[in-house]
Protein backbone atom coordinates (compact mmCIF):
# COMPACT_ATOMS: atom_id res chain seq x y z
CA UNK A 1 0.00 0.00 0.00
CA UNK A 2 1.48 3.33 -1.02
CA UNK A 3 1.62 6.29 1.39
CA UNK A 4 -1.12 7.97 -0.66
CA UNK A 5 -3.44 4.97 -0.23
CA UNK A 6 -2.58 4.77 3.46
CA UNK A 7 -3.68 8.40 3.91
CA UNK A 8 -6.88 7.68 1.99
CA UNK A 9 -7.96 4.46 3.72
CA UNK A 10 -6.34 4.78 7.14
CA UNK A 11 -7.78 8.04 8.43
CA UNK A 12 -7.79 8.43 12.19
CA UNK A 13 -9.44 10.85 14.61
CA UNK A 14 -7.65 13.46 16.72
CA UNK A 15 -7.45 11.20 19.80
CA UNK A 16 -5.87 8.41 17.78
CA UNK A 17 -3.48 10.86 16.12
CA UNK A 18 -2.32 12.14 19.53
CA UNK A 19 -1.87 8.58 20.76
CA UNK A 20 0.17 7.67 17.69
CA UNK A 21 2.34 10.78 17.95
CA UNK A 22 3.03 9.95 21.61
CA UNK A 23 4.01 6.41 20.61
CA UNK A 24 6.29 7.68 17.85
CA UNK A 25 8.22 9.76 20.40
CA UNK A 26 9.42 6.57 22.06
CA UNK A 27 12.85 5.28 21.09
CA UNK A 28 12.88 2.39 18.67
CA UNK A 29 10.01 3.48 16.44
CA UNK A 30 11.07 4.83 13.06
CA UNK A 31 9.15 7.07 10.71
CA UNK A 32 8.28 3.99 8.62
CA UNK A 33 6.69 2.46 11.70
CA UNK A 34 4.02 5.17 11.56
CA UNK A 35 2.63 3.84 8.27
CA UNK A 36 2.92 0.26 9.43
CA UNK A 37 0.97 1.04 12.59
CA UNK A 38 -1.72 2.74 10.52
CA UNK A 39 -2.02 -0.32 8.26
CA UNK A 40 -2.25 -2.69 11.21
CA UNK A 41 -4.85 -0.39 12.80
CA UNK A 42 -6.90 -0.56 9.59
CA UNK A 43 -6.66 -4.36 9.60
CA UNK A 44 -7.80 -4.55 13.24
CA UNK A 45 -10.73 -2.25 12.47
CA UNK A 46 -11.66 -4.41 9.46
CA UNK A 47 -11.56 -7.57 11.57
CA UNK A 48 -13.95 -5.95 14.05
CA UNK A 49 -16.21 -4.77 11.24
CA UNK A 50 -15.61 -1.09 12.03
CA UNK A 51 -15.85 1.44 9.22
CA UNK A 52 -13.47 3.87 10.92
CA UNK A 53 -10.23 3.32 12.79
CA UNK A 54 -10.78 3.97 16.49
CA UNK A 55 -8.27 4.78 19.21
CA UNK A 56 -8.55 1.21 20.53
CA UNK A 57 -7.39 -0.09 17.13
CA UNK A 58 -4.40 2.26 17.12
CA UNK A 59 -3.56 1.32 20.70
CA UNK A 60 -3.61 -2.38 19.83
CA UNK A 61 -1.45 -1.80 16.74
CA UNK A 62 1.10 0.19 18.77
CA UNK A 63 1.17 -2.63 21.31
CA UNK A 64 1.88 -5.20 18.59
CA UNK A 65 4.57 -2.96 17.15
CA UNK A 66 6.25 -2.64 20.53
CA UNK A 67 6.45 -6.45 20.76
CA UNK A 68 8.52 -6.72 17.59
CA UNK A 69 12.11 -7.47 18.43
CA UNK A 70 11.46 -8.94 21.86
CA UNK A 71 12.75 -12.46 22.26
CA UNK A 72 12.16 -13.13 25.93
CA UNK A 73 9.50 -15.22 27.64
CA UNK A 74 6.99 -12.37 27.19
CA UNK A 75 6.57 -13.38 23.55
CA UNK A 76 7.15 -17.10 23.32
CA UNK A 77 7.53 -19.34 26.33
CA UNK A 78 8.19 -22.43 24.21
CA UNK A 79 11.82 -23.22 23.40
CA UNK A 80 12.77 -23.46 19.72
CA UNK A 81 12.56 -26.96 18.26
CA UNK A 82 15.16 -28.27 15.85
CA UNK A 83 13.97 -29.18 12.42
CA UNK A 84 13.10 -32.91 12.18
CA UNK A 85 15.48 -33.19 9.22
CA UNK A 86 18.39 -32.39 11.55
CA UNK A 87 17.41 -34.88 14.24
CA UNK A 88 18.30 -38.56 14.23
CA UNK A 89 15.51 -40.81 13.02
CA UNK A 90 14.29 -41.95 16.47
CA UNK A 91 13.98 -38.32 17.61
CA UNK A 92 11.96 -37.36 14.52
CA UNK A 93 9.29 -39.95 15.29
CA UNK A 94 8.98 -38.74 18.87
CA UNK A 95 8.74 -35.11 17.70
CA UNK A 96 5.91 -35.92 15.31
CA UNK A 97 4.08 -37.84 18.04
CA UNK A 98 4.42 -34.91 20.46
CA UNK A 99 2.95 -32.45 17.95
CA UNK A 100 -0.12 -34.62 17.34
C-alpha atoms as a PDB file:
ATOM      1  CA  UNK A   1       0.000   0.000   0.000  1.00  0.00           C
ATOM      2  CA  UNK A   2       1.477   3.328  -1.021  1.00  0.00           C
ATOM      3  CA  UNK A   3       1.619   6.286   1.388  1.00  0.00           C
ATOM      4  CA  UNK A   4      -1.118   7.971  -0.661  1.00  0.00           C
ATOM      5  CA  UNK A   5      -3.437   4.975  -0.234  1.00  0.00           C
ATOM      6  CA  UNK A   6      -2.583   4.773   3.456  1.00  0.00           C
ATOM      7  CA  UNK A   7      -3.679   8.395   3.914  1.00  0.00           C
ATOM      8  CA  UNK A   8      -6.879   7.680   1.991  1.00  0.00           C
ATOM      9  CA  UNK A   9      -7.959   4.460   3.720  1.00  0.00           C
ATOM     10  CA  UNK A  10      -6.338   4.781   7.140  1.00  0.00           C
ATOM     11  CA  UNK A  11      -7.777   8.040   8.430  1.00  0.00           C
ATOM     12  CA  UNK A  12      -7.787   8.431  12.192  1.00  0.00           C
ATOM     13  CA  UNK A  13      -9.438  10.847  14.606  1.00  0.00           C
ATOM     14  CA  UNK A  14      -7.649  13.461  16.724  1.00  0.00           C
ATOM     15  CA  UNK A  15      -7.454  11.201  19.800  1.00  0.00           C
ATOM     16  CA  UNK A  16      -5.867   8.405  17.777  1.00  0.00           C
ATOM     17  CA  UNK A  17      -3.477  10.858  16.122  1.00  0.00           C
ATOM     18  CA  UNK A  18      -2.323  12.141  19.530  1.00  0.00           C
ATOM     19  CA  UNK A  19      -1.867   8.578  20.764  1.00  0.00           C
ATOM     20  CA  UNK A  20       0.168   7.665  17.692  1.00  0.00           C
ATOM     21  CA  UNK A  21       2.342  10.784  17.952  1.00  0.00           C
ATOM     22  CA  UNK A  22       3.028   9.954  21.613  1.00  0.00           C
ATOM     23  CA  UNK A  23       4.006   6.406  20.613  1.00  0.00           C
ATOM     24  CA  UNK A  24       6.288   7.679  17.854  1.00  0.00           C
ATOM     25  CA  UNK A  25       8.219   9.763  20.397  1.00  0.00           C
ATOM     26  CA  UNK A  26       9.421   6.572  22.060  1.00  0.00           C
ATOM     27  CA  UNK A  27      12.853   5.282  21.090  1.00  0.00           C
ATOM     28  CA  UNK A  28      12.880   2.386  18.674  1.00  0.00           C
ATOM     29  CA  UNK A  29      10.014   3.485  16.438  1.00  0.00           C
ATOM     30  CA  UNK A  30      11.068   4.826  13.058  1.00  0.00           C
ATOM     31  CA  UNK A  31       9.151   7.074  10.707  1.00  0.00           C
ATOM     32  CA  UNK A  32       8.276   3.994   8.621  1.00  0.00           C
ATOM     33  CA  UNK A  33       6.692   2.459  11.702  1.00  0.00           C
ATOM     34  CA  UNK A  34       4.018   5.174  11.556  1.00  0.00           C
ATOM     35  CA  UNK A  35       2.626   3.845   8.271  1.00  0.00           C
ATOM     36  CA  UNK A  36       2.917   0.257   9.433  1.00  0.00           C
ATOM     37  CA  UNK A  37       0.972   1.036  12.595  1.00  0.00           C
ATOM     38  CA  UNK A  38      -1.725   2.736  10.519  1.00  0.00           C
ATOM     39  CA  UNK A  39      -2.022  -0.324   8.258  1.00  0.00           C
ATOM     40  CA  UNK A  40      -2.254  -2.694  11.214  1.00  0.00           C
ATOM     41  CA  UNK A  41      -4.846  -0.389  12.799  1.00  0.00           C
ATOM     42  CA  UNK A  42      -6.895  -0.560   9.594  1.00  0.00           C
ATOM     43  CA  UNK A  43      -6.661  -4.356   9.605  1.00  0.00           C
ATOM     44  CA  UNK A  44      -7.803  -4.553  13.239  1.00  0.00           C
ATOM     45  CA  UNK A  45     -10.732  -2.248  12.465  1.00  0.00           C
ATOM     46  CA  UNK A  46     -11.656  -4.415   9.462  1.00  0.00           C
ATOM     47  CA  UNK A  47     -11.562  -7.570  11.569  1.00  0.00           C
ATOM     48  CA  UNK A  48     -13.948  -5.954  14.051  1.00  0.00           C
ATOM     49  CA  UNK A  49     -16.215  -4.773  11.244  1.00  0.00           C
ATOM     50  CA  UNK A  50     -15.608  -1.094  12.030  1.00  0.00           C
ATOM     51  CA  UNK A  51     -15.851   1.440   9.216  1.00  0.00           C
ATOM     52  CA  UNK A  52     -13.468   3.874  10.918  1.00  0.00           C
ATOM     53  CA  UNK A  53     -10.226   3.322  12.790  1.00  0.00           C
ATOM     54  CA  UNK A  54     -10.776   3.967  16.488  1.00  0.00           C
ATOM     55  CA  UNK A  55      -8.266   4.779  19.207  1.00  0.00           C
ATOM     56  CA  UNK A  56      -8.547   1.213  20.530  1.00  0.00           C
ATOM     57  CA  UNK A  57      -7.392  -0.091  17.131  1.00  0.00           C
ATOM     58  CA  UNK A  58      -4.397   2.262  17.119  1.00  0.00           C
ATOM     59  CA  UNK A  59      -3.557   1.318  20.700  1.00  0.00           C
ATOM     60  CA  UNK A  60      -3.605  -2.382  19.834  1.00  0.00           C
ATOM     61  CA  UNK A  61      -1.451  -1.798  16.737  1.00  0.00           C
ATOM     62  CA  UNK A  62       1.096   0.194  18.774  1.00  0.00           C
ATOM     63  CA  UNK A  63       1.167  -2.629  21.306  1.00  0.00           C
ATOM     64  CA  UNK A  64       1.876  -5.205  18.587  1.00  0.00           C
ATOM     65  CA  UNK A  65       4.567  -2.964  17.146  1.00  0.00           C
ATOM     66  CA  UNK A  66       6.253  -2.645  20.527  1.00  0.00           C
ATOM     67  CA  UNK A  67       6.449  -6.446  20.762  1.00  0.00           C
ATOM     68  CA  UNK A  68       8.524  -6.720  17.592  1.00  0.00           C
ATOM     69  CA  UNK A  69      12.109  -7.468  18.432  1.00  0.00           C
ATOM     70  CA  UNK A  70      11.462  -8.935  21.862  1.00  0.00           C
ATOM     71  CA  UNK A  71      12.746 -12.457  22.263  1.00  0.00           C
ATOM     72  CA  UNK A  72      12.160 -13.129  25.931  1.00  0.00           C
ATOM     73  CA  UNK A  73       9.498 -15.218  27.636  1.00  0.00           C
ATOM     74  CA  UNK A  74       6.991 -12.366  27.191  1.00  0.00           C
ATOM     75  CA  UNK A  75       6.569 -13.381  23.546  1.00  0.00           C
ATOM     76  CA  UNK A  76       7.150 -17.101  23.318  1.00  0.00           C
ATOM     77  CA  UNK A  77       7.532 -19.342  26.334  1.00  0.00           C
ATOM     78  CA  UNK A  78       8.191 -22.426  24.209  1.00  0.00           C
ATOM     79  CA  UNK A  79      11.818 -23.216  23.395  1.00  0.00           C
ATOM     80  CA  UNK A  80      12.772 -23.460  19.722  1.00  0.00           C
ATOM     81  CA  UNK A  81      12.562 -26.955  18.258  1.00  0.00           C
ATOM     82  CA  UNK A  82      15.163 -28.266  15.849  1.00  0.00           C
ATOM     83  CA  UNK A  83      13.967 -29.181  12.417  1.00  0.00           C
ATOM     84  CA  UNK A  84      13.098 -32.909  12.178  1.00  0.00           C
ATOM     85  CA  UNK A  85      15.477 -33.193   9.218  1.00  0.00           C
ATOM     86  CA  UNK A  86      18.386 -32.391  11.554  1.00  0.00           C
ATOM     87  CA  UNK A  87      17.411 -34.877  14.244  1.00  0.00           C
ATOM     88  CA  UNK A  88      18.303 -38.556  14.229  1.00  0.00           C
ATOM     89  CA  UNK A  89      15.505 -40.814  13.017  1.00  0.00           C
ATOM     90  CA  UNK A  90      14.294 -41.952  16.471  1.00  0.00           C
ATOM     91  CA  UNK A  91      13.979 -38.317  17.614  1.00  0.00           C
ATOM     92  CA  UNK A  92      11.959 -37.364  14.522  1.00  0.00           C
ATOM     93  CA  UNK A  93       9.294 -39.953  15.287  1.00  0.00           C
ATOM     94  CA  UNK A  94       8.977 -38.741  18.866  1.00  0.00           C
ATOM     95  CA  UNK A  95       8.741 -35.112  17.704  1.00  0.00           C
ATOM     96  CA  UNK A  96       5.905 -35.916  15.307  1.00  0.00           C
ATOM     97  CA  UNK A  97       4.083 -37.842  18.036  1.00  0.00           C
ATOM     98  CA  UNK A  98       4.421 -34.912  20.460  1.00  0.00           C
ATOM     99  CA  UNK A  99       2.953 -32.454  17.948  1.00  0.00           C
ATOM    100  CA  UNK A 100      -0.117 -34.621  17.342  1.00  0.00           C
END
